[in-house]
Amino acid sequence: MSRILVVYYSRSGHTEFVARQIAARCHADLERIEDSASRDGVLGYLRSALEAIFRLRPSIQRARRRPRDYDLVIVGTPVWFWSVASPVRTWVHRHRSELDNVALFCTCGGSGHANAMDDLEALSGRPALARLALTERAVPQCQRDPALRSFLLELKRVRAVSVSLPPMHDQAPA
């Protein structure tokens, strides 16, 4: 069985919710990327926007887990101004040499996900084994979203990952 790490950054909680769903379904370890500075309030939002626009790599705290210890690393990011969240950019840059097999997911307000995912692939130096993009509106019901199911099936197909598939959207929960 593959060892899997789900690593993510979340400012508002949307990306964290999806990361937890994926980690539970893939029996994976979970690692939150921790900022070194606050992103609260208007100033935190403006700082986040500028870092995303200019593709900056802010300081983040040291990770607890080493990606090289895993067969698959699933990286999650919110989309900030049609780009990868800057703390995720820092984490991927820092661990790029340890990323052999990656899958990607993002949450977004409505657009910019394709650009963010392409950027993450370029940052990691690897094509993603699977990609998932969910709008903030879809996040609360993501357990039943066909996109999540497809993402998990793709991981199962390409990496023989043991996953617990969510029910189809038209099925009642078990």
N, C-alpha and C. Protein backbone atom coordinates (compact mmCIF):
# COMPACT_ATOMS: atom_id res chain seq x y z
N MET A 1 0.84 -1.17 0.00
CA MET A 1 0.00 0.00 0.00
C MET A 1 0.89 1.24 0.00
N SER A 2 0.49 2.24 -0.75
CA SER A 2 1.25 3.47 -0.89
C SER A 2 1.14 4.33 0.37
N ARG A 3 2.25 4.97 0.70
CA ARG A 3 2.24 5.99 1.76
C ARG A 3 1.93 7.31 1.08
N ILE A 4 0.93 8.01 1.61
CA ILE A 4 0.44 9.23 0.97
C ILE A 4 0.46 10.38 1.98
N LEU A 5 0.87 11.54 1.49
CA LEU A 5 0.84 12.77 2.27
C LEU A 5 -0.03 13.78 1.55
N VAL A 6 -0.97 14.36 2.27
CA VAL A 6 -1.76 15.48 1.76
C VAL A 6 -1.24 16.72 2.46
N VAL A 7 -0.70 17.63 1.68
CA VAL A 7 -0.16 18.88 2.22
C VAL A 7 -0.95 20.03 1.62
N TYR A 8 -1.30 21.03 2.45
CA TYR A 8 -2.19 22.09 1.97
C TYR A 8 -1.95 23.37 2.76
N TYR A 9 -2.43 24.46 2.19
CA TYR A 9 -2.52 25.74 2.88
C TYR A 9 -3.97 26.18 2.77
N SER A 10 -4.48 26.77 3.84
CA SER A 10 -5.85 27.27 3.82
C SER A 10 -5.94 28.53 4.66
N ARG A 11 -6.41 29.59 4.05
CA ARG A 11 -6.62 30.85 4.78
C ARG A 11 -8.03 30.91 5.34
N SER A 12 -9.01 30.47 4.56
CA SER A 12 -10.41 30.61 4.95
C SER A 12 -11.06 29.31 5.43
N GLY A 13 -10.38 28.18 5.23
CA GLY A 13 -10.93 26.90 5.67
C GLY A 13 -11.45 26.02 4.54
N HIS A 14 -11.68 26.58 3.35
CA HIS A 14 -12.20 25.79 2.23
C HIS A 14 -11.21 24.70 1.80
N THR A 15 -9.97 25.08 1.60
CA THR A 15 -8.96 24.13 1.15
C THR A 15 -8.70 23.09 2.23
N GLU A 16 -8.73 23.50 3.49
CA GLU A 16 -8.54 22.55 4.58
C GLU A 16 -9.65 21.50 4.60
N PHE A 17 -10.88 21.92 4.37
CA PHE A 17 -11.99 20.98 4.36
C PHE A 17 -11.79 19.91 3.28
N VAL A 18 -11.41 20.34 2.09
CA VAL A 18 -11.18 19.39 1.00
C VAL A 18 -9.98 18.50 1.31
N ALA A 19 -8.91 19.08 1.86
CA ALA A 19 -7.72 18.30 2.22
C ALA A 19 -8.08 17.18 3.20
N ARG A 20 -8.91 17.49 4.17
CA ARG A 20 -9.31 16.48 5.15
C ARG A 20 -10.14 15.37 4.51
N GLN A 21 -11.00 15.74 3.57
CA GLN A 21 -11.80 14.74 2.86
C GLN A 21 -10.89 13.80 2.06
N ILE A 22 -9.95 14.37 1.34
CA ILE A 22 -9.03 13.57 0.52
C ILE A 22 -8.16 12.68 1.41
N ALA A 23 -7.61 13.24 2.48
CA ALA A 23 -6.76 12.46 3.38
C ALA A 23 -7.53 11.29 3.99
N ALA A 24 -8.76 11.53 4.39
CA ALA A 24 -9.57 10.45 4.95
C ALA A 24 -9.84 9.36 3.92
N ARG A 25 -10.15 9.75 2.70
CA ARG A 25 -10.46 8.78 1.64
C ARG A 25 -9.23 8.00 1.19
N CYS A 26 -8.05 8.61 1.28
CA CYS A 26 -6.82 7.96 0.82
C CYS A 26 -6.00 7.36 1.97
N HIS A 27 -6.51 7.45 3.19
CA HIS A 27 -5.80 6.94 4.35
C HIS A 27 -4.41 7.57 4.41
N ALA A 28 -4.38 8.89 4.26
CA ALA A 28 -3.14 9.64 4.13
C ALA A 28 -2.82 10.44 5.39
N ASP A 29 -1.55 10.78 5.52
CA ASP A 29 -1.13 11.72 6.54
C ASP A 29 -1.47 13.13 6.05
N LEU A 30 -1.67 14.02 6.99
CA LEU A 30 -2.10 15.38 6.66
C LEU A 30 -1.07 16.37 7.21
N GLU A 31 -0.70 17.33 6.39
CA GLU A 31 0.28 18.36 6.79
C GLU A 31 -0.24 19.72 6.34
N ARG A 32 -0.47 20.60 7.31
CA ARG A 32 -0.90 21.96 7.01
C ARG A 32 0.34 22.84 6.88
N ILE A 33 0.40 23.63 5.82
CA ILE A 33 1.47 24.60 5.65
C ILE A 33 1.15 25.78 6.55
N GLU A 34 2.08 26.10 7.43
CA GLU A 34 1.86 27.17 8.41
C GLU A 34 2.65 28.41 8.01
N ASP A 35 1.95 29.51 7.93
CA ASP A 35 2.56 30.81 7.65
C ASP A 35 3.41 31.26 8.84
N SER A 36 4.42 32.04 8.57
CA SER A 36 5.20 32.63 9.65
C SER A 36 4.59 33.94 10.14
N ALA A 37 3.72 34.54 9.32
CA ALA A 37 3.08 35.80 9.68
C ALA A 37 1.56 35.68 9.52
N SER A 38 0.85 36.57 10.14
CA SER A 38 -0.62 36.55 10.09
C SER A 38 -1.14 37.04 8.74
N ARG A 39 -2.26 36.47 8.31
CA ARG A 39 -2.95 36.92 7.11
C ARG A 39 -4.38 37.38 7.46
N ASP A 40 -4.58 37.72 8.71
CA ASP A 40 -5.90 38.15 9.18
C ASP A 40 -6.22 39.56 8.67
N GLY A 41 -7.51 39.80 8.50
CA GLY A 41 -8.01 41.13 8.18
C GLY A 41 -7.67 41.62 6.79
N VAL A 42 -7.92 42.89 6.59
CA VAL A 42 -7.73 43.52 5.29
C VAL A 42 -6.25 43.52 4.89
N LEU A 43 -5.37 43.82 5.84
CA LEU A 43 -3.94 43.84 5.53
C LEU A 43 -3.44 42.45 5.14
N GLY A 44 -3.93 41.43 5.81
CA GLY A 44 -3.55 40.06 5.46
C GLY A 44 -4.03 39.68 4.07
N TYR A 45 -5.23 40.12 3.72
CA TYR A 45 -5.78 39.87 2.39
C TYR A 45 -4.94 40.58 1.33
N LEU A 46 -4.62 41.84 1.57
CA LEU A 46 -3.80 42.61 0.62
C LEU A 46 -2.41 42.00 0.46
N ARG A 47 -1.83 41.59 1.56
CA ARG A 47 -0.52 40.93 1.50
C ARG A 47 -0.59 39.67 0.67
N SER A 48 -1.63 38.88 0.88
CA SER A 48 -1.83 37.64 0.12
C SER A 48 -1.97 37.93 -1.37
N ALA A 49 -2.75 38.96 -1.69
CA ALA A 49 -2.96 39.32 -3.09
C ALA A 49 -1.65 39.73 -3.76
N LEU A 50 -0.89 40.58 -3.12
CA LEU A 50 0.37 41.05 -3.70
C LEU A 50 1.37 39.91 -3.87
N GLU A 51 1.45 39.04 -2.89
CA GLU A 51 2.37 37.90 -2.99
C GLU A 51 1.98 36.98 -4.15
N ALA A 52 0.69 36.78 -4.35
CA ALA A 52 0.23 35.93 -5.44
C ALA A 52 0.51 36.59 -6.79
N ILE A 53 0.18 37.86 -6.90
CA ILE A 53 0.36 38.57 -8.17
C ILE A 53 1.84 38.59 -8.58
N PHE A 54 2.72 38.82 -7.61
CA PHE A 54 4.15 38.92 -7.90
C PHE A 54 4.90 37.60 -7.72
N ARG A 55 4.13 36.53 -7.45
CA ARG A 55 4.70 35.19 -7.32
C ARG A 55 5.83 35.11 -6.28
N LEU A 56 5.58 35.76 -5.16
CA LEU A 56 6.57 35.78 -4.09
C LEU A 56 6.50 34.50 -3.27
N ARG A 57 7.58 34.24 -2.53
CA ARG A 57 7.66 33.07 -1.67
C ARG A 57 7.92 33.54 -0.23
N PRO A 58 6.85 33.71 0.55
CA PRO A 58 7.01 34.19 1.93
C PRO A 58 7.59 33.11 2.83
N SER A 59 8.00 33.53 3.98
CA SER A 59 8.52 32.61 4.98
C SER A 59 7.38 31.73 5.51
N ILE A 60 7.64 30.45 5.64
CA ILE A 60 6.69 29.51 6.25
C ILE A 60 7.44 28.71 7.32
N GLN A 61 6.67 28.09 8.20
CA GLN A 61 7.29 27.27 9.23
C GLN A 61 7.79 25.96 8.64
N ARG A 62 8.76 25.38 9.29
CA ARG A 62 9.33 24.11 8.84
C ARG A 62 8.27 23.01 8.91
N ALA A 63 8.24 22.18 7.88
CA ALA A 63 7.28 21.07 7.82
C ALA A 63 7.62 20.01 8.86
N ARG A 64 6.62 19.32 9.34
CA ARG A 64 6.83 18.21 10.29
C ARG A 64 7.18 16.93 9.56
N ARG A 65 6.64 16.76 8.36
CA ARG A 65 6.84 15.52 7.60
C ARG A 65 7.72 15.80 6.39
N ARG A 66 8.47 14.75 5.97
CA ARG A 66 9.34 14.86 4.81
C ARG A 66 8.66 14.22 3.61
N PRO A 67 8.45 14.96 2.55
CA PRO A 67 7.79 14.40 1.36
C PRO A 67 8.51 13.19 0.78
N ARG A 68 9.82 13.13 0.93
CA ARG A 68 10.56 11.99 0.36
C ARG A 68 10.21 10.66 1.04
N ASP A 69 9.56 10.73 2.20
CA ASP A 69 9.15 9.51 2.91
C ASP A 69 7.84 8.94 2.37
N TYR A 70 7.27 9.58 1.35
CA TYR A 70 5.96 9.19 0.83
C TYR A 70 6.05 8.80 -0.64
N ASP A 71 5.17 7.88 -1.03
CA ASP A 71 5.08 7.44 -2.42
C ASP A 71 4.32 8.44 -3.27
N LEU A 72 3.42 9.18 -2.65
CA LEU A 72 2.60 10.16 -3.35
C LEU A 72 2.37 11.36 -2.43
N VAL A 73 2.53 12.55 -2.98
CA VAL A 73 2.23 13.78 -2.24
C VAL A 73 1.12 14.50 -2.99
N ILE A 74 0.03 14.79 -2.28
CA ILE A 74 -1.10 15.52 -2.84
C ILE A 74 -1.04 16.93 -2.28
N VAL A 75 -0.89 17.91 -3.16
CA VAL A 75 -0.69 19.30 -2.76
C VAL A 75 -1.98 20.08 -3.02
N GLY A 76 -2.44 20.82 -2.01
CA GLY A 76 -3.66 21.61 -2.14
C GLY A 76 -3.42 23.09 -1.89
N THR A 77 -4.07 23.90 -2.70
CA THR A 77 -3.91 25.35 -2.59
C THR A 77 -5.23 26.07 -2.86
N PRO A 78 -5.46 27.17 -2.18
CA PRO A 78 -6.52 28.06 -2.66
C PRO A 78 -5.98 28.82 -3.87
N VAL A 79 -6.86 29.31 -4.70
CA VAL A 79 -6.44 30.13 -5.83
C VAL A 79 -6.52 31.59 -5.39
N TRP A 80 -5.38 32.26 -5.47
CA TRP A 80 -5.30 33.67 -5.12
C TRP A 80 -4.96 34.44 -6.39
N PHE A 81 -5.87 35.27 -6.85
CA PHE A 81 -5.63 36.10 -8.03
C PHE A 81 -5.08 35.27 -9.18
N TRP A 82 -5.78 34.20 -9.50
CA TRP A 82 -5.46 33.30 -10.61
C TRP A 82 -4.09 32.65 -10.47
N SER A 83 -3.66 32.46 -9.23
CA SER A 83 -2.34 31.89 -8.98
C SER A 83 -2.37 31.00 -7.74
N VAL A 84 -1.26 30.34 -7.53
CA VAL A 84 -1.06 29.50 -6.35
C VAL A 84 -0.91 30.40 -5.13
N ALA A 85 -1.46 29.99 -4.00
CA ALA A 85 -1.26 30.73 -2.76
C ALA A 85 0.24 30.76 -2.45
N SER A 86 0.73 31.92 -2.06
CA SER A 86 2.17 32.09 -1.88
C SER A 86 2.80 31.13 -0.86
N PRO A 87 2.14 30.77 0.26
CA PRO A 87 2.77 29.79 1.15
C PRO A 87 2.95 28.42 0.47
N VAL A 88 2.04 28.05 -0.41
CA VAL A 88 2.18 26.78 -1.15
C VAL A 88 3.35 26.90 -2.12
N ARG A 89 3.48 28.05 -2.76
CA ARG A 89 4.61 28.29 -3.66
C ARG A 89 5.93 28.07 -2.91
N THR A 90 6.03 28.61 -1.70
CA THR A 90 7.24 28.45 -0.89
C THR A 90 7.47 26.97 -0.57
N TRP A 91 6.41 26.27 -0.13
CA TRP A 91 6.55 24.87 0.26
C TRP A 91 7.01 24.02 -0.92
N VAL A 92 6.38 24.20 -2.08
CA VAL A 92 6.75 23.40 -3.25
C VAL A 92 8.19 23.71 -3.67
N HIS A 93 8.56 24.98 -3.66
CA HIS A 93 9.94 25.35 -4.01
C HIS A 93 10.93 24.69 -3.05
N ARG A 94 10.61 24.70 -1.77
CA ARG A 94 11.48 24.13 -0.75
C ARG A 94 11.63 22.60 -0.89
N HIS A 95 10.57 21.92 -1.32
CA HIS A 95 10.56 20.45 -1.34
C HIS A 95 10.57 19.86 -2.74
N ARG A 96 10.78 20.67 -3.73
CA ARG A 96 10.71 20.23 -5.13
C ARG A 96 11.52 18.95 -5.40
N SER A 97 12.72 18.87 -4.88
CA SER A 97 13.57 17.71 -5.15
C SER A 97 13.06 16.43 -4.49
N GLU A 98 12.13 16.55 -3.55
CA GLU A 98 11.59 15.39 -2.85
C GLU A 98 10.26 14.90 -3.44
N LEU A 99 9.78 15.57 -4.47
CA LEU A 99 8.46 15.26 -5.02
C LEU A 99 8.61 14.38 -6.26
N ASP A 100 8.44 13.08 -6.06
CA ASP A 100 8.51 12.16 -7.20
C ASP A 100 7.15 11.99 -7.88
N ASN A 101 6.11 11.82 -7.09
CA ASN A 101 4.76 11.63 -7.60
C ASN A 101 3.85 12.62 -6.90
N VAL A 102 3.19 13.47 -7.69
CA VAL A 102 2.32 14.48 -7.11
C VAL A 102 0.94 14.44 -7.75
N ALA A 103 -0.03 14.81 -6.95
CA ALA A 103 -1.39 15.08 -7.41
C ALA A 103 -1.73 16.45 -6.84
N LEU A 104 -2.64 17.14 -7.48
CA LEU A 104 -2.92 18.52 -7.10
C LEU A 104 -4.41 18.76 -6.93
N PHE A 105 -4.75 19.65 -5.99
CA PHE A 105 -6.13 20.11 -5.91
C PHE A 105 -6.12 21.57 -5.50
N CYS A 106 -7.22 22.24 -5.86
CA CYS A 106 -7.35 23.64 -5.49
C CYS A 106 -8.81 23.97 -5.24
N THR A 107 -8.99 25.05 -4.48
CA THR A 107 -10.32 25.62 -4.28
C THR A 107 -10.25 27.05 -4.81
N CYS A 108 -11.35 27.50 -5.37
CA CYS A 108 -11.34 28.84 -5.97
C CYS A 108 -12.73 29.46 -5.89
N GLY A 109 -12.74 30.77 -6.04
CA GLY A 109 -13.99 31.50 -6.04
C GLY A 109 -14.80 31.26 -7.30
N GLY A 110 -14.15 30.90 -8.36
CA GLY A 110 -14.88 30.63 -9.60
C GLY A 110 -13.98 30.49 -10.81
N SER A 111 -12.83 31.17 -10.81
CA SER A 111 -11.95 31.07 -11.97
C SER A 111 -10.50 31.08 -11.51
N GLY A 112 -9.62 30.83 -12.46
CA GLY A 112 -8.19 30.84 -12.18
C GLY A 112 -7.61 29.50 -11.83
N HIS A 113 -8.46 28.48 -11.70
CA HIS A 113 -7.96 27.17 -11.26
C HIS A 113 -7.01 26.53 -12.27
N ALA A 114 -7.28 26.64 -13.56
CA ALA A 114 -6.40 26.01 -14.56
C ALA A 114 -5.02 26.64 -14.51
N ASN A 115 -4.96 27.95 -14.40
CA ASN A 115 -3.67 28.64 -14.32
C ASN A 115 -2.92 28.23 -13.06
N ALA A 116 -3.62 28.17 -11.93
CA ALA A 116 -2.98 27.78 -10.66
C ALA A 116 -2.45 26.36 -10.73
N MET A 117 -3.22 25.45 -11.31
CA MET A 117 -2.78 24.05 -11.41
C MET A 117 -1.57 23.92 -12.35
N ASP A 118 -1.62 24.62 -13.48
CA ASP A 118 -0.47 24.60 -14.39
C ASP A 118 0.77 25.15 -13.70
N ASP A 119 0.59 26.21 -12.93
CA ASP A 119 1.70 26.80 -12.19
C ASP A 119 2.26 25.82 -11.16
N LEU A 120 1.38 25.12 -10.46
CA LEU A 120 1.84 24.12 -9.48
C LEU A 120 2.62 23.00 -10.14
N GLU A 121 2.16 22.54 -11.29
CA GLU A 121 2.90 21.50 -12.02
C GLU A 121 4.29 22.01 -12.38
N ALA A 122 4.36 23.23 -12.89
CA ALA A 122 5.66 23.80 -13.26
C ALA A 122 6.56 23.95 -12.03
N LEU A 123 6.00 24.40 -10.92
CA LEU A 123 6.78 24.55 -9.70
C LEU A 123 7.33 23.21 -9.20
N SER A 124 6.51 22.18 -9.30
CA SER A 124 6.93 20.86 -8.79
C SER A 124 7.89 20.17 -9.75
N GLY A 125 7.89 20.60 -11.00
CA GLY A 125 8.76 19.97 -11.99
C GLY A 125 8.25 18.62 -12.44
N ARG A 126 6.99 18.32 -12.13
CA ARG A 126 6.39 17.02 -12.47
C ARG A 126 4.98 17.23 -13.00
N PRO A 127 4.57 16.40 -13.95
CA PRO A 127 3.15 16.44 -14.31
C PRO A 127 2.33 15.80 -13.18
N ALA A 128 1.19 16.35 -12.91
CA ALA A 128 0.34 15.81 -11.85
C ALA A 128 -0.29 14.49 -12.30
N LEU A 129 -0.33 13.53 -11.38
CA LEU A 129 -0.99 12.25 -11.67
C LEU A 129 -2.50 12.43 -11.73
N ALA A 130 -3.01 13.42 -11.00
CA ALA A 130 -4.44 13.75 -11.01
C ALA A 130 -4.59 15.19 -10.55
N ARG A 131 -5.66 15.84 -11.01
CA ARG A 131 -5.93 17.23 -10.65
C ARG A 131 -7.40 17.37 -10.29
N LEU A 132 -7.66 18.19 -9.28
CA LEU A 132 -9.03 18.45 -8.83
C LEU A 132 -9.17 19.93 -8.55
N ALA A 133 -10.20 20.55 -9.11
CA ALA A 133 -10.52 21.94 -8.82
C ALA A 133 -11.97 22.01 -8.36
N LEU A 134 -12.19 22.66 -7.23
CA LEU A 134 -13.54 22.83 -6.70
C LEU A 134 -13.78 24.30 -6.39
N THR A 135 -14.95 24.78 -6.74
CA THR A 135 -15.31 26.14 -6.37
C THR A 135 -15.69 26.16 -4.89
N GLU A 136 -15.59 27.32 -4.29
CA GLU A 136 -15.96 27.45 -2.88
C GLU A 136 -17.40 27.02 -2.65
N ARG A 137 -18.23 27.24 -3.65
CA ARG A 137 -19.64 26.83 -3.54
C ARG A 137 -19.80 25.31 -3.49
N ALA A 138 -18.90 24.59 -4.17
CA ALA A 138 -18.97 23.13 -4.20
C ALA A 138 -18.31 22.47 -3.00
N VAL A 139 -17.48 23.20 -2.28
CA VAL A 139 -16.71 22.61 -1.18
C VAL A 139 -17.57 21.94 -0.12
N PRO A 140 -18.64 22.58 0.40
CA PRO A 140 -19.40 21.93 1.47
C PRO A 140 -19.99 20.57 1.09
N GLN A 141 -20.27 20.37 -0.19
CA GLN A 141 -20.83 19.09 -0.65
C GLN A 141 -19.80 18.26 -1.43
N CYS A 142 -18.53 18.54 -1.24
CA CYS A 142 -17.52 17.88 -2.08
C CYS A 142 -17.50 16.36 -1.91
N GLN A 143 -17.97 15.86 -0.76
CA GLN A 143 -17.99 14.41 -0.56
C GLN A 143 -18.83 13.73 -1.61
N ARG A 144 -19.80 14.44 -2.16
CA ARG A 144 -20.69 13.85 -3.17
C ARG A 144 -20.43 14.40 -4.57
N ASP A 145 -19.40 15.20 -4.71
CA ASP A 145 -19.10 15.80 -6.01
C ASP A 145 -18.45 14.77 -6.92
N PRO A 146 -18.96 14.59 -8.13
CA PRO A 146 -18.36 13.63 -9.06
C PRO A 146 -16.90 13.95 -9.37
N ALA A 147 -16.50 15.22 -9.26
CA ALA A 147 -15.10 15.58 -9.52
C ALA A 147 -14.18 14.96 -8.48
N LEU A 148 -14.59 14.94 -7.21
CA LEU A 148 -13.78 14.31 -6.17
C LEU A 148 -13.68 12.81 -6.44
N ARG A 149 -14.79 12.20 -6.78
CA ARG A 149 -14.78 10.76 -7.08
C ARG A 149 -13.85 10.46 -8.25
N SER A 150 -13.89 11.26 -9.29
CA SER A 150 -13.02 11.07 -10.46
C SER A 150 -11.56 11.23 -10.07
N PHE A 151 -11.27 12.22 -9.25
CA PHE A 151 -9.90 12.45 -8.77
C PHE A 151 -9.39 11.22 -8.02
N LEU A 152 -10.19 10.70 -7.11
CA LEU A 152 -9.80 9.53 -6.34
C LEU A 152 -9.64 8.29 -7.22
N LEU A 153 -10.54 8.12 -8.17
CA LEU A 153 -10.43 6.99 -9.10
C LEU A 153 -9.15 7.08 -9.93
N GLU A 154 -8.81 8.28 -10.34
CA GLU A 154 -7.57 8.47 -11.12
C GLU A 154 -6.35 8.11 -10.27
N LEU A 155 -6.34 8.51 -9.02
CA LEU A 155 -5.23 8.14 -8.12
C LEU A 155 -5.15 6.63 -7.95
N LYS A 156 -6.30 6.03 -7.81
CA LYS A 156 -6.35 4.57 -7.65
C LYS A 156 -5.81 3.88 -8.90
N ARG A 157 -6.16 4.43 -10.06
CA ARG A 157 -5.72 3.83 -11.32
C ARG A 157 -4.22 3.99 -11.55
N VAL A 158 -3.69 5.18 -11.33
CA VAL A 158 -2.29 5.43 -11.67
C VAL A 158 -1.31 5.02 -10.58
N ARG A 159 -1.72 4.98 -9.33
CA ARG A 159 -0.80 4.65 -8.24
C ARG A 159 -1.24 3.47 -7.40
N ALA A 160 -2.29 2.81 -7.78
CA ALA A 160 -2.82 1.70 -6.99
C ALA A 160 -3.03 2.13 -5.53
N VAL A 161 -3.57 3.31 -5.36
CA VAL A 161 -3.84 3.87 -4.04
C VAL A 161 -5.12 3.25 -3.51
N SER A 162 -5.10 2.87 -2.25
CA SER A 162 -6.30 2.37 -1.61
C SER A 162 -7.15 3.57 -1.20
N VAL A 163 -8.33 3.69 -1.78
CA VAL A 163 -9.20 4.83 -1.47
C VAL A 163 -10.59 4.35 -1.08
N SER A 164 -11.24 5.15 -0.25
CA SER A 164 -12.64 4.94 0.08
C SER A 164 -13.42 5.93 -0.76
N LEU A 165 -14.13 5.43 -1.75
CA LEU A 165 -14.84 6.31 -2.67
C LEU A 165 -16.10 6.86 -2.04
N PRO A 166 -16.35 8.16 -2.27
CA PRO A 166 -17.60 8.73 -1.77
C PRO A 166 -18.76 8.20 -2.59
N PRO A 167 -19.97 8.23 -2.04
CA PRO A 167 -21.11 7.80 -2.83
C PRO A 167 -21.34 8.73 -4.01
N MET A 168 -21.95 8.21 -5.04
CA MET A 168 -22.31 9.06 -6.18
C MET A 168 -23.29 10.12 -5.68
N HIS A 169 -23.35 11.26 -6.35
CA HIS A 169 -24.14 12.39 -5.89
C HIS A 169 -25.63 12.09 -5.79
N ASP A 170 -26.10 11.08 -6.51
CA ASP A 170 -27.53 10.77 -6.46
C ASP A 170 -27.85 9.65 -5.47
N GLN A 171 -26.84 9.15 -4.76
CA GLN A 171 -27.06 8.10 -3.78
C GLN A 171 -27.19 8.71 -2.40
N ALA A 172 -27.97 8.05 -1.57
CA ALA A 172 -28.09 8.49 -0.18
C ALA A 172 -26.81 8.13 0.57
N PRO A 173 -26.40 8.93 1.56
CA PRO A 173 -25.21 8.59 2.34
C PRO A 173 -25.40 7.28 3.08
N ALA A 174 -24.31 6.57 3.25
CA ALA A 174 -24.36 5.26 3.94
C ALA A 174 -24.48 5.44 5.43
